[in-house]
Amino acid sequence: MGSTVGELVFIPAPVVGHIMSAIEMAKVLVNRDQRLSISVILISPPYPISALTTYIQSLTENTIQRIRFIKLPLNPAPPKPDPKAPVTSFYQFIDSHGKYITNVVTDIINQTRLVGFVVDILCVGMIDVANEFNVPTYVFFAANSAFLGTNLYIERLYANQSQYVTELSNSEGEIVVPYFVNPVPMKRTMGVGKVIGWAPQVALLAHEAVGGFVSHCGWNSLLESLWFGVPTAAWPLYAEQQMNAFEMVVELGLAVDLKLDYKIDLFNPGARIVIVTAEEIESGIRRLMEDNKVRAKVKDMSKMCRETVVEGGSSYASVGYLIEEITSKII
């Protein structure tokens, strides 16, 4: 491979939604500039998850021009997880792969010119690995900017007031976050839900017969529904999905509320179960199918989404600036 081609190393978190969005970003970059190629390093999850394992295996068997997938070997001695600190355990698990990633990247630089790392926000420990190779690191955030802003605001609360977010989590009141127009409710509601394991979501949303979408409000799913102009009924389950639902329903008016405060506690199987009633589901579906105001706003947003990714659009321009920054390292 010639010296005019630069290699980016992508390190997504071992979560389907994070891997999918990272790959879509990788496709955008290589399609926009022929001087870029990308190696996506895949970390197997700490616990056996059949859907994720199958997805990772399918990636390693597929061919995408100038994108290759490298599956790391399983860590023979992973750090022992701490049930009382699951988030910390997850980060320790990710960081334990540093030496394996160093070995992979060492092989890469023997074949081509390394111009940078793109690391998932959940894999920021890999910035230290990038520093070993004296190349820049770009952090990839798979959620929306409002959620990123909220995280930064929480950090500021602690820095300025020594206040932990856990002190607010069970509050009955509301907190004013600068990144939202409306006050954000802090009360947590625990529950459990059942969702289909997998469906060809993009193909379904693209079908003209689809008039509505009941979604857990993962950011990838919401972007896809907006792209195809399909209104959403928000039924968030975990992670940042409550924040995404709040953004779509309350802030932007692009979705209806099926059960906005619904939440699964992934780290506490014994948490109180909340049942979503048939009446609540019926009410949400009726509003989804009958609210012409929301439907019209979603159609307008779909048009705006498509305009922003073509030449002259803001997203197109932003990607161009990023490519200029990356390719400036190619001689």
C-alpha atoms as a PDB file:
ATOM      1  CA  MET A   1       0.000   0.000   0.000  1.00  0.00           C
ATOM      2  CA  GLY A   2       1.479   3.333  -1.022  1.00  0.00           C
ATOM      3  CA  SER A   3       2.593   6.118   1.281  1.00  0.00           C
ATOM      4  CA  THR A   4      -0.278   8.323   0.059  1.00  0.00           C
ATOM      5  CA  VAL A   5      -2.781   6.085   1.876  1.00  0.00           C
ATOM      6  CA  GLY A   6      -3.377   6.519   5.599  1.00  0.00           C
ATOM      7  CA  GLU A   7      -4.722   3.886   7.973  1.00  0.00           C
ATOM      8  CA  LEU A   8      -7.203   4.691  10.737  1.00  0.00           C
ATOM      9  CA  VAL A   9      -7.758   2.247  13.594  1.00  0.00           C
ATOM     10  CA  PHE A  10     -11.330   2.119  14.914  1.00  0.00           C
ATOM     11  CA  ILE A  11     -11.967   0.645  18.379  1.00  0.00           C
ATOM     12  CA  PRO A  12     -15.722   0.405  19.089  1.00  0.00           C
ATOM     13  CA  ALA A  13     -17.135  -0.823  22.389  1.00  0.00           C
ATOM     14  CA  PRO A  14     -18.382  -4.457  22.321  1.00  0.00           C
ATOM     15  CA  VAL A  15     -22.018  -3.372  22.064  1.00  0.00           C
ATOM     16  CA  VAL A  16     -24.039  -3.913  18.879  1.00  0.00           C
ATOM     17  CA  GLY A  17     -25.304  -0.329  18.642  1.00  0.00           C
ATOM     18  CA  HIS A  18     -21.821   1.110  19.136  1.00  0.00           C
ATOM     19  CA  ILE A  19     -20.233  -1.229  16.573  1.00  0.00           C
ATOM     20  CA  MET A  20     -22.936  -0.532  13.985  1.00  0.00           C
ATOM     21  CA  SER A  21     -22.640   3.246  14.251  1.00  0.00           C
ATOM     22  CA  ALA A  22     -18.826   3.070  14.154  1.00  0.00           C
ATOM     23  CA  ILE A  23     -18.945   0.996  10.967  1.00  0.00           C
ATOM     24  CA  GLU A  24     -21.352   3.438   9.321  1.00  0.00           C
ATOM     25  CA  MET A  25     -18.960   6.263  10.186  1.00  0.00           C
ATOM     26  CA  ALA A  26     -16.064   4.261   8.760  1.00  0.00           C
ATOM     27  CA  LYS A  27     -17.998   3.783   5.512  1.00  0.00           C
ATOM     28  CA  VAL A  28     -18.609   7.521   5.243  1.00  0.00           C
ATOM     29  CA  LEU A  29     -14.903   8.284   5.652  1.00  0.00           C
ATOM     30  CA  VAL A  30     -13.582   5.786   3.103  1.00  0.00           C
ATOM     31  CA  ASN A  31     -16.281   6.709   0.596  1.00  0.00           C
ATOM     32  CA  ARG A  32     -15.417  10.392   0.879  1.00  0.00           C
ATOM     33  CA  ASP A  33     -11.648  10.053   0.504  1.00  0.00           C
ATOM     34  CA  GLN A  34      -9.733   7.386  -1.412  1.00  0.00           C
ATOM     35  CA  ARG A  35      -6.609   8.066   0.653  1.00  0.00           C
ATOM     36  CA  LEU A  36      -8.119   6.475   3.754  1.00  0.00           C
ATOM     37  CA  SER A  37      -8.396   2.849   4.778  1.00  0.00           C
ATOM     38  CA  ILE A  38      -9.686   1.600   8.115  1.00  0.00           C
ATOM     39  CA  SER A  39      -9.031  -1.334  10.433  1.00  0.00           C
ATOM     40  CA  VAL A  40     -11.879  -2.004  12.877  1.00  0.00           C
ATOM     41  CA  ILE A  41     -10.637  -3.879  15.940  1.00  0.00           C
ATOM     42  CA  LEU A  42     -13.422  -5.958  17.494  1.00  0.00           C
ATOM     43  CA  ILE A  43     -13.373  -6.800  21.199  1.00  0.00           C
ATOM     44  CA  SER A  44     -15.508  -9.779  22.211  1.00  0.00           C
ATOM     45  CA  PRO A  45     -17.989  -8.962  25.021  1.00  0.00           C
ATOM     46  CA  PRO A  46     -17.139  -9.917  28.624  1.00  0.00           C
ATOM     47  CA  TYR A  47     -20.248 -12.103  28.798  1.00  0.00           C
ATOM     48  CA  PRO A  48     -21.559 -14.453  26.086  1.00  0.00           C
ATOM     49  CA  ILE A  49     -24.217 -12.562  24.117  1.00  0.00           C
ATOM     50  CA  SER A  50     -25.360 -14.660  21.170  1.00  0.00           C
ATOM     51  CA  ALA A  51     -26.634 -11.763  19.044  1.00  0.00           C
ATOM     52  CA  LEU A  52     -23.416  -9.773  19.460  1.00  0.00           C
ATOM     53  CA  THR A  53     -21.166 -12.801  18.945  1.00  0.00           C
ATOM     54  CA  THR A  54     -23.026 -13.697  15.740  1.00  0.00           C
ATOM     55  CA  TYR A  55     -22.849 -10.103  14.522  1.00  0.00           C
ATOM     56  CA  ILE A  56     -19.094  -9.854  15.127  1.00  0.00           C
ATOM     57  CA  GLN A  57     -18.556 -13.162  13.330  1.00  0.00           C
ATOM     58  CA  SER A  58     -20.571 -11.923  10.342  1.00  0.00           C
ATOM     59  CA  LEU A  59     -18.400  -8.810  10.121  1.00  0.00           C
ATOM     60  CA  THR A  60     -15.181 -10.803   9.988  1.00  0.00           C
ATOM     61  CA  GLU A  61     -16.611 -12.821   7.094  1.00  0.00           C
ATOM     62  CA  ASN A  62     -17.778  -9.796   5.052  1.00  0.00           C
ATOM     63  CA  THR A  63     -15.777  -7.605   2.700  1.00  0.00           C
ATOM     64  CA  ILE A  64     -16.142  -3.822   2.581  1.00  0.00           C
ATOM     65  CA  GLN A  65     -13.753  -1.938   0.321  1.00  0.00           C
ATOM     66  CA  ARG A  66     -10.854  -0.440   2.323  1.00  0.00           C
ATOM     67  CA  ILE A  67     -12.379  -1.550   5.639  1.00  0.00           C
ATOM     68  CA  ARG A  68     -11.129  -4.682   7.364  1.00  0.00           C
ATOM     69  CA  PHE A  69     -12.250  -6.256  10.611  1.00  0.00           C
ATOM     70  CA  ILE A  70      -9.821  -7.720  13.123  1.00  0.00           C
ATOM     71  CA  LYS A  71     -11.289  -9.814  15.924  1.00  0.00           C
ATOM     72  CA  LEU A  72      -9.126  -9.825  19.027  1.00  0.00           C
ATOM     73  CA  PRO A  73      -8.439 -13.141  20.747  1.00  0.00           C
ATOM     74  CA  LEU A  74     -10.245 -13.742  24.009  1.00  0.00           C
ATOM     75  CA  ASN A  75      -8.302 -12.508  26.998  1.00  0.00           C
ATOM     76  CA  PRO A  76      -7.191 -15.723  28.774  1.00  0.00           C
ATOM     77  CA  ALA A  77      -7.037 -13.942  32.129  1.00  0.00           C
ATOM     78  CA  PRO A  78      -9.642 -11.144  32.147  1.00  0.00           C
ATOM     79  CA  PRO A  79     -10.042  -9.059  35.307  1.00  0.00           C
ATOM     80  CA  LYS A  80     -12.551 -10.525  37.729  1.00  0.00           C
ATOM     81  CA  PRO A  81     -15.831  -8.569  37.531  1.00  0.00           C
ATOM     82  CA  ASP A  82     -17.118  -6.865  40.662  1.00  0.00           C
ATOM     83  CA  PRO A  83     -20.944  -7.190  40.914  1.00  0.00           C
ATOM     84  CA  LYS A  84     -20.994  -4.109  43.150  1.00  0.00           C
ATOM     85  CA  ALA A  85     -19.175  -1.983  40.572  1.00  0.00           C
ATOM     86  CA  PRO A  86     -20.294  -3.243  37.130  1.00  0.00           C
ATOM     87  CA  VAL A  87     -19.400  -0.052  35.260  1.00  0.00           C
ATOM     88  CA  THR A  88     -15.867   0.001  36.653  1.00  0.00           C
ATOM     89  CA  SER A  89     -15.535  -3.702  35.835  1.00  0.00           C
ATOM     90  CA  PHE A  90     -16.548  -3.023  32.231  1.00  0.00           C
ATOM     91  CA  TYR A  91     -13.870  -0.356  31.802  1.00  0.00           C
ATOM     92  CA  GLN A  92     -11.275  -2.640  33.370  1.00  0.00           C
ATOM     93  CA  PHE A  93     -12.284  -5.369  30.927  1.00  0.00           C
ATOM     94  CA  ILE A  94     -11.828  -3.012  27.966  1.00  0.00           C
ATOM     95  CA  ASP A  95      -8.473  -1.748  29.243  1.00  0.00           C
ATOM     96  CA  SER A  96      -7.210  -5.323  29.694  1.00  0.00           C
ATOM     97  CA  HIS A  97      -7.112  -5.621  25.888  1.00  0.00           C
ATOM     98  CA  GLY A  98      -4.539  -2.867  25.518  1.00  0.00           C
ATOM     99  CA  LYS A  99      -1.574  -5.177  24.944  1.00  0.00           C
ATOM    100  CA  TYR A 100      -3.460  -7.150  22.286  1.00  0.00           C
ATOM    101  CA  ILE A 101      -4.384  -3.962  20.447  1.00  0.00           C
ATOM    102  CA  THR A 102      -0.768  -2.805  20.628  1.00  0.00           C
ATOM    103  CA  ASN A 103       0.322  -6.045  18.948  1.00  0.00           C
ATOM    104  CA  VAL A 104      -2.299  -5.698  16.196  1.00  0.00           C
ATOM    105  CA  VAL A 105      -1.389  -2.079  15.479  1.00  0.00           C
ATOM    106  CA  THR A 106       2.316  -2.945  15.411  1.00  0.00           C
ATOM    107  CA  ASP A 107       1.532  -5.347  12.570  1.00  0.00           C
ATOM    108  CA  ILE A 108      -0.532  -2.666  10.821  1.00  0.00           C
ATOM    109  CA  ILE A 109       2.257  -0.076  10.784  1.00  0.00           C
ATOM    110  CA  ASN A 110       4.542  -2.603   9.118  1.00  0.00           C
ATOM    111  CA  GLN A 111       2.156  -2.542   6.143  1.00  0.00           C
ATOM    112  CA  THR A 112       0.888   1.032   5.890  1.00  0.00           C
ATOM    113  CA  ARG A 113       1.041   4.513   7.379  1.00  0.00           C
ATOM    114  CA  LEU A 114      -0.931   4.919  10.617  1.00  0.00           C
ATOM    115  CA  VAL A 115      -2.645   8.322  10.831  1.00  0.00           C
ATOM    116  CA  GLY A 116      -4.806   7.973  13.929  1.00  0.00           C
ATOM    117  CA  PHE A 117      -7.133   6.101  16.267  1.00  0.00           C
ATOM    118  CA  VAL A 118     -10.909   6.509  16.510  1.00  0.00           C
ATOM    119  CA  VAL A 119     -11.968   5.185  19.919  1.00  0.00           C
ATOM    120  CA  ASP A 120     -15.422   4.711  21.374  1.00  0.00           C
ATOM    121  CA  ILE A 121     -16.299   6.909  24.337  1.00  0.00           C
ATOM    122  CA  LEU A 122     -16.394   3.671  26.374  1.00  0.00           C
ATOM    123  CA  CYS A 123     -12.861   2.787  25.241  1.00  0.00           C
ATOM    124  CA  VAL A 124     -11.007   5.983  26.094  1.00  0.00           C
ATOM    125  CA  GLY A 125      -8.374   3.956  27.933  1.00  0.00           C
ATOM    126  CA  MET A 126      -7.080   3.091  24.453  1.00  0.00           C
ATOM    127  CA  ILE A 127      -5.885   6.682  24.054  1.00  0.00           C
ATOM    128  CA  ASP A 128      -2.802   5.540  25.967  1.00  0.00           C
ATOM    129  CA  VAL A 129      -2.232   2.891  23.290  1.00  0.00           C
ATOM    130  CA  ALA A 130      -2.539   5.518  20.551  1.00  0.00           C
ATOM    131  CA  ASN A 131      -0.003   7.689  22.351  1.00  0.00           C
ATOM    132  CA  GLU A 132       2.505   4.840  22.148  1.00  0.00           C
ATOM    133  CA  PHE A 133       2.373   5.197  18.359  1.00  0.00           C
ATOM    134  CA  ASN A 134       2.534   9.008  18.463  1.00  0.00           C
ATOM    135  CA  VAL A 135      -0.681   9.514  16.473  1.00  0.00           C
ATOM    136  CA  PRO A 136      -3.799  11.564  17.301  1.00  0.00           C
ATOM    137  CA  THR A 137      -6.935  10.058  18.799  1.00  0.00           C
ATOM    138  CA  TYR A 138     -10.487  10.989  17.844  1.00  0.00           C
ATOM    139  CA  VAL A 139     -13.230  10.039  20.315  1.00  0.00           C
ATOM    140  CA  PHE A 140     -16.406   8.601  18.786  1.00  0.00           C
ATOM    141  CA  PHE A 141     -19.616   9.280  20.720  1.00  0.00           C
ATOM    142  CA  ALA A 142     -22.439   6.978  19.622  1.00  0.00           C
ATOM    143  CA  ALA A 143     -25.260   8.902  21.344  1.00  0.00           C
ATOM    144  CA  ASN A 144     -26.620  12.411  20.738  1.00  0.00           C
ATOM    145  CA  SER A 145     -25.059  15.745  21.646  1.00  0.00           C
ATOM    146  CA  ALA A 146     -27.645  16.469  24.359  1.00  0.00           C
ATOM    147  CA  PHE A 147     -26.639  13.308  26.214  1.00  0.00           C
ATOM    148  CA  LEU A 148     -22.966  14.243  25.865  1.00  0.00           C
ATOM    149  CA  GLY A 149     -23.765  17.699  27.204  1.00  0.00           C
ATOM    150  CA  THR A 150     -25.623  16.181  30.142  1.00  0.00           C
ATOM    151  CA  ASN A 151     -22.610  14.039  31.026  1.00  0.00           C
ATOM    152  CA  LEU A 152     -20.363  17.091  30.914  1.00  0.00           C
ATOM    153  CA  TYR A 153     -22.850  18.974  33.095  1.00  0.00           C
ATOM    154  CA  ILE A 154     -22.830  16.147  35.654  1.00  0.00           C
ATOM    155  CA  GLU A 155     -19.033  16.336  35.763  1.00  0.00           C
ATOM    156  CA  ARG A 156     -19.292  20.082  36.344  1.00  0.00           C
ATOM    157  CA  LEU A 157     -21.766  19.541  39.194  1.00  0.00           C
ATOM    158  CA  TYR A 158     -19.226  17.344  40.929  1.00  0.00           C
ATOM    159  CA  ALA A 159     -16.282  19.645  40.184  1.00  0.00           C
ATOM    160  CA  ASN A 160     -18.055  22.791  41.410  1.00  0.00           C
ATOM    161  CA  GLN A 161     -20.362  21.448  44.123  1.00  0.00           C
ATOM    162  CA  SER A 162     -18.902  18.011  45.002  1.00  0.00           C
ATOM    163  CA  GLN A 163     -22.327  16.590  44.149  1.00  0.00           C
ATOM    164  CA  TYR A 164     -22.644  13.065  42.761  1.00  0.00           C
ATOM    165  CA  VAL A 165     -25.340  12.268  40.209  1.00  0.00           C
ATOM    166  CA  THR A 166     -26.507   9.391  42.439  1.00  0.00           C
ATOM    167  CA  GLU A 167     -27.694  12.013  44.920  1.00  0.00           C
ATOM    168  CA  LEU A 168     -30.118  13.269  42.252  1.00  0.00           C
ATOM    169  CA  SER A 169     -31.251   9.958  40.771  1.00  0.00           C
ATOM    170  CA  ASN A 170     -34.171   9.387  43.145  1.00  0.00           C
ATOM    171  CA  SER A 171     -35.161  13.024  43.457  1.00  0.00           C
ATOM    172  CA  GLU A 172     -38.822  13.903  42.964  1.00  0.00           C
ATOM    173  CA  GLY A 173     -37.898  17.276  41.511  1.00  0.00           C
ATOM    174  CA  GLU A 174     -36.395  18.466  38.252  1.00  0.00           C
ATOM    175  CA  ILE A 175     -32.968  19.706  37.294  1.00  0.00           C
ATOM    176  CA  VAL A 176     -32.220  22.422  34.765  1.00  0.00           C
ATOM    177  CA  VAL A 177     -29.601  21.132  32.321  1.00  0.00           C
ATOM    178  CA  PRO A 178     -28.230  23.859  29.994  1.00  0.00           C
ATOM    179  CA  TYR A 179     -28.427  21.532  26.972  1.00  0.00           C
ATOM    180  CA  PHE A 180     -32.219  21.101  27.242  1.00  0.00           C
ATOM    181  CA  VAL A 181     -34.963  23.685  26.883  1.00  0.00           C
ATOM    182  CA  ASN A 182     -37.180  21.885  29.403  1.00  0.00           C
ATOM    183  CA  PRO A 183     -36.306  20.805  32.974  1.00  0.00           C
ATOM    184  CA  VAL A 184     -35.221  17.160  33.168  1.00  0.00           C
ATOM    185  CA  PRO A 185     -37.083  14.901  35.670  1.00  0.00           C
ATOM    186  CA  MET A 186     -34.709  12.991  37.930  1.00  0.00           C
ATOM    187  CA  LYS A 187     -36.952  10.263  39.370  1.00  0.00           C
ATOM    188  CA  ARG A 188     -35.992   6.747  38.303  1.00  0.00           C
ATOM    189  CA  THR A 189     -38.549   4.040  37.600  1.00  0.00           C
ATOM    190  CA  MET A 190     -37.407   0.435  37.438  1.00  0.00           C
ATOM    191  CA  GLY A 191     -39.055  -2.183  35.258  1.00  0.00           C
ATOM    192  CA  VAL A 192     -38.632  -4.987  32.813  1.00  0.00           C
ATOM    193  CA  GLY A 193     -39.619  -5.401  29.178  1.00  0.00           C
ATOM    194  CA  LYS A 194     -39.556  -7.887  26.340  1.00  0.00           C
ATOM    195  CA  VAL A 195     -38.284  -6.970  22.886  1.00  0.00           C
ATOM    196  CA  ILE A 196     -37.744  -8.961  19.712  1.00  0.00           C
ATOM    197  CA  GLY A 197     -34.186 -10.225  19.424  1.00  0.00           C
ATOM    198  CA  TRP A 198     -33.555  -8.935  15.912  1.00  0.00           C
ATOM    199  CA  ALA A 199     -35.398  -7.607  12.875  1.00  0.00           C
ATOM    200  CA  PRO A 200     -34.291  -6.013   9.566  1.00  0.00           C
ATOM    201  CA  GLN A 201     -35.109  -2.607  11.002  1.00  0.00           C
ATOM    202  CA  VAL A 202     -33.907  -0.416   8.130  1.00  0.00           C
ATOM    203  CA  ALA A 203     -35.829  -2.471   5.579  1.00  0.00           C
ATOM    204  CA  LEU A 204     -38.959  -2.332   7.734  1.00  0.00           C
ATOM    205  CA  LEU A 205     -38.773   1.422   8.307  1.00  0.00           C
ATOM    206  CA  ALA A 206     -38.223   2.006   4.595  1.00  0.00           C
ATOM    207  CA  HIS A 207     -41.444   0.171   3.696  1.00  0.00           C
ATOM    208  CA  GLU A 208     -44.243   2.549   2.770  1.00  0.00           C
ATOM    209  CA  ALA A 209     -46.792   0.487   4.712  1.00  0.00           C
ATOM    210  CA  VAL A 210     -45.110   1.263   8.059  1.00  0.00           C
ATOM    211  CA  GLY A 211     -47.020   4.049   9.783  1.00  0.00           C
ATOM    212  CA  GLY A 212     -45.366   4.011  13.202  1.00  0.00           C
ATOM    213  CA  PHE A 213     -42.466   2.628  15.207  1.00  0.00           C
ATOM    214  CA  VAL A 214     -42.455   1.559  18.865  1.00  0.00           C
ATOM    215  CA  SER A 215     -38.842   2.006  19.907  1.00  0.00           C
ATOM    216  CA  HIS A 216     -36.625   1.534  22.946  1.00  0.00           C
ATOM    217  CA  CYS A 217     -35.048   4.829  21.809  1.00  0.00           C
ATOM    218  CA  GLY A 218     -31.520   3.710  21.064  1.00  0.00           C
ATOM    219  CA  TRP A 219     -29.984   6.587  19.125  1.00  0.00           C
ATOM    220  CA  ASN A 220     -29.325   4.487  16.007  1.00  0.00           C
ATOM    221  CA  SER A 221     -32.982   3.456  15.892  1.00  0.00           C
ATOM    222  CA  LEU A 222     -34.207   7.021  16.313  1.00  0.00           C
ATOM    223  CA  LEU A 223     -31.946   8.302  13.545  1.00  0.00           C
ATOM    224  CA  GLU A 224     -33.207   5.576  11.221  1.00  0.00           C
ATOM    225  CA  SER A 225     -36.848   6.375  12.005  1.00  0.00           C
ATOM    226  CA  LEU A 226     -36.273  10.073  11.309  1.00  0.00           C
ATOM    227  CA  TRP A 227     -34.406   9.291   8.092  1.00  0.00           C
ATOM    228  CA  PHE A 228     -37.410   7.377   6.760  1.00  0.00           C
ATOM    229  CA  GLY A 229     -39.973   9.797   8.199  1.00  0.00           C
ATOM    230  CA  VAL A 230     -41.614   7.257  10.519  1.00  0.00           C
ATOM    231  CA  PRO A 231     -43.008   8.657  13.817  1.00  0.00           C
ATOM    232  CA  THR A 232     -41.984   6.905  17.033  1.00  0.00           C
ATOM    233  CA  ALA A 233     -43.691   5.843  20.259  1.00  0.00           C
ATOM    234  CA  ALA A 234     -41.030   6.104  22.953  1.00  0.00           C
ATOM    235  CA  TRP A 235     -40.618   3.111  25.290  1.00  0.00           C
ATOM    236  CA  PRO A 236     -37.053   3.422  26.641  1.00  0.00           C
ATOM    237  CA  LEU A 237     -35.458   0.560  28.565  1.00  0.00           C
ATOM    238  CA  TYR A 238     -31.941   1.360  29.810  1.00  0.00           C
ATOM    239  CA  ALA A 239     -28.660   3.275  29.374  1.00  0.00           C
ATOM    240  CA  GLU A 240     -29.176   6.714  27.767  1.00  0.00           C
ATOM    241  CA  GLN A 241     -32.499   5.728  26.210  1.00  0.00           C
ATOM    242  CA  GLN A 242     -34.561   7.714  28.745  1.00  0.00           C
ATOM    243  CA  MET A 243     -32.587  10.821  27.800  1.00  0.00           C
ATOM    244  CA  ASN A 244     -33.085  10.119  24.097  1.00  0.00           C
ATOM    245  CA  ALA A 245     -36.826   9.670  24.644  1.00  0.00           C
ATOM    246  CA  PHE A 246     -37.013  12.949  26.559  1.00  0.00           C
ATOM    247  CA  GLU A 247     -35.195  14.687  23.706  1.00  0.00           C
ATOM    248  CA  MET A 248     -37.555  13.282  21.072  1.00  0.00           C
ATOM    249  CA  VAL A 249     -40.862  13.663  22.947  1.00  0.00           C
ATOM    250  CA  VAL A 250     -40.485  16.738  25.141  1.00  0.00           C
ATOM    251  CA  GLU A 251     -37.740  18.761  23.490  1.00  0.00           C
ATOM    252  CA  LEU A 252     -38.358  18.211  19.777  1.00  0.00           C
ATOM    253  CA  GLY A 253     -41.939  16.936  19.542  1.00  0.00           C
ATOM    254  CA  LEU A 254     -40.855  14.201  17.109  1.00  0.00           C
ATOM    255  CA  ALA A 255     -42.293  11.254  19.062  1.00  0.00           C
ATOM    256  CA  VAL A 256     -45.129  10.364  21.409  1.00  0.00           C
ATOM    257  CA  ASP A 257     -44.774   9.031  24.943  1.00  0.00           C
ATOM    258  CA  LEU A 258     -45.669   5.394  25.454  1.00  0.00           C
ATOM    259  CA  LYS A 259     -43.856   5.032  28.792  1.00  0.00           C
ATOM    260  CA  LEU A 260     -41.236   7.751  29.081  1.00  0.00           C
ATOM    261  CA  ASP A 261     -40.051   6.954  32.626  1.00  0.00           C
ATOM    262  CA  TYR A 262     -39.773   3.193  32.072  1.00  0.00           C
ATOM    263  CA  LYS A 263     -36.390   1.695  32.948  1.00  0.00           C
ATOM    264  CA  ILE A 264     -34.647  -1.649  33.349  1.00  0.00           C
ATOM    265  CA  ASP A 265     -31.966  -1.885  36.022  1.00  0.00           C
ATOM    266  CA  LEU A 266     -29.407  -4.047  34.209  1.00  0.00           C
ATOM    267  CA  PHE A 267     -27.245  -4.395  37.290  1.00  0.00           C
ATOM    268  CA  ASN A 268     -29.960  -5.233  39.806  1.00  0.00           C
ATOM    269  CA  PRO A 269     -32.076  -8.242  38.727  1.00  0.00           C
ATOM    270  CA  GLY A 270     -34.004  -8.033  41.991  1.00  0.00           C
ATOM    271  CA  ALA A 271     -35.251  -4.506  41.358  1.00  0.00           C
ATOM    272  CA  ARG A 272     -38.971  -3.800  41.592  1.00  0.00           C
ATOM    273  CA  ILE A 273     -40.860  -4.769  38.430  1.00  0.00           C
ATOM    274  CA  VAL A 274     -43.176  -2.194  36.888  1.00  0.00           C
ATOM    275  CA  ILE A 275     -45.887  -3.445  34.560  1.00  0.00           C
ATOM    276  CA  VAL A 276     -46.848  -1.380  31.529  1.00  0.00           C
ATOM    277  CA  THR A 277     -50.602  -1.812  31.220  1.00  0.00           C
ATOM    278  CA  ALA A 278     -52.526  -2.628  28.058  1.00  0.00           C
ATOM    279  CA  GLU A 279     -54.315   0.712  28.438  1.00  0.00           C
ATOM    280  CA  GLU A 280     -51.001   2.602  28.427  1.00  0.00           C
ATOM    281  CA  ILE A 281     -49.838   0.747  25.331  1.00  0.00           C
ATOM    282  CA  GLU A 282     -53.146   1.338  23.541  1.00  0.00           C
ATOM    283  CA  SER A 283     -53.078   5.040  24.401  1.00  0.00           C
ATOM    284  CA  GLY A 284     -49.526   5.420  23.096  1.00  0.00           C
ATOM    285  CA  ILE A 285     -50.228   3.571  19.844  1.00  0.00           C
ATOM    286  CA  ARG A 286     -53.408   5.576  19.184  1.00  0.00           C
ATOM    287  CA  ARG A 287     -51.574   8.861  19.692  1.00  0.00           C
ATOM    288  CA  LEU A 288     -48.745   7.622  17.485  1.00  0.00           C
ATOM    289  CA  MET A 289     -51.067   6.816  14.599  1.00  0.00           C
ATOM    290  CA  GLU A 290     -53.451   9.767  15.012  1.00  0.00           C
ATOM    291  CA  ASP A 291     -51.203  12.727  15.927  1.00  0.00           C
ATOM    292  CA  ASN A 292     -50.896  14.481  12.573  1.00  0.00           C
ATOM    293  CA  LYS A 293     -48.789  17.277  14.091  1.00  0.00           C
ATOM    294  CA  VAL A 294     -46.049  14.858  15.160  1.00  0.00           C
ATOM    295  CA  ARG A 295     -46.300  13.019  11.842  1.00  0.00           C
ATOM    296  CA  ALA A 296     -45.836  16.275   9.893  1.00  0.00           C
ATOM    297  CA  LYS A 297     -42.837  17.311  12.015  1.00  0.00           C
ATOM    298  CA  VAL A 298     -41.194  13.924  11.453  1.00  0.00           C
ATOM    299  CA  LYS A 299     -41.654  14.254   7.683  1.00  0.00           C
ATOM    300  CA  ASP A 300     -40.049  17.711   7.775  1.00  0.00           C
ATOM    301  CA  MET A 301     -37.160  16.378   9.858  1.00  0.00           C
ATOM    302  CA  SER A 302     -36.660  13.503   7.409  1.00  0.00           C
ATOM    303  CA  LYS A 303     -36.183  16.027   4.618  1.00  0.00           C
ATOM    304  CA  MET A 304     -33.722  18.025   6.734  1.00  0.00           C
ATOM    305  CA  CYS A 305     -31.766  14.850   7.594  1.00  0.00           C
ATOM    306  CA  ARG A 306     -31.274  14.049   3.929  1.00  0.00           C
ATOM    307  CA  GLU A 307     -30.238  17.602   3.075  1.00  0.00           C
ATOM    308  CA  THR A 308     -27.564  17.769   5.763  1.00  0.00           C
ATOM    309  CA  VAL A 309     -25.561  14.759   4.494  1.00  0.00           C
ATOM    310  CA  VAL A 310     -25.193  15.893   0.875  1.00  0.00           C
ATOM    311  CA  GLU A 311     -22.825  18.510  -0.493  1.00  0.00           C
ATOM    312  CA  GLY A 312     -23.722  21.879   1.000  1.00  0.00           C
ATOM    313  CA  GLY A 313     -25.165  20.332   4.166  1.00  0.00           C
ATOM    314  CA  SER A 314     -23.741  20.888   7.649  1.00  0.00           C
ATOM    315  CA  SER A 315     -22.987  17.215   8.327  1.00  0.00           C
ATOM    316  CA  TYR A 316     -21.265  16.855   4.964  1.00  0.00           C
ATOM    317  CA  ALA A 317     -19.109  19.881   5.776  1.00  0.00           C
ATOM    318  CA  SER A 318     -18.234  18.626   9.274  1.00  0.00           C
ATOM    319  CA  VAL A 319     -17.066  15.273   7.909  1.00  0.00           C
ATOM    320  CA  GLY A 320     -15.009  17.159   5.347  1.00  0.00           C
ATOM    321  CA  TYR A 321     -13.236  19.132   8.079  1.00  0.00           C
ATOM    322  CA  LEU A 322     -12.480  15.889   9.936  1.00  0.00           C
ATOM    323  CA  ILE A 323     -11.053  14.280   6.791  1.00  0.00           C
ATOM    324  CA  GLU A 324      -8.864  17.338   6.180  1.00  0.00           C
ATOM    325  CA  GLU A 325      -7.498  17.003   9.722  1.00  0.00           C
ATOM    326  CA  ILE A 326      -6.817  13.278   9.329  1.00  0.00           C
ATOM    327  CA  THR A 327      -5.302  13.413   5.846  1.00  0.00           C
ATOM    328  CA  SER A 328      -2.997  16.287   6.772  1.00  0.00           C
ATOM    329  CA  LYS A 329      -0.871  13.563   8.405  1.00  0.00           C
ATOM    330  CA  ILE A 330      -0.466  11.758   5.058  1.00  0.00           C
ATOM    331  CA  ILE A 331       2.651  12.716   3.112  1.00  0.00           C
END
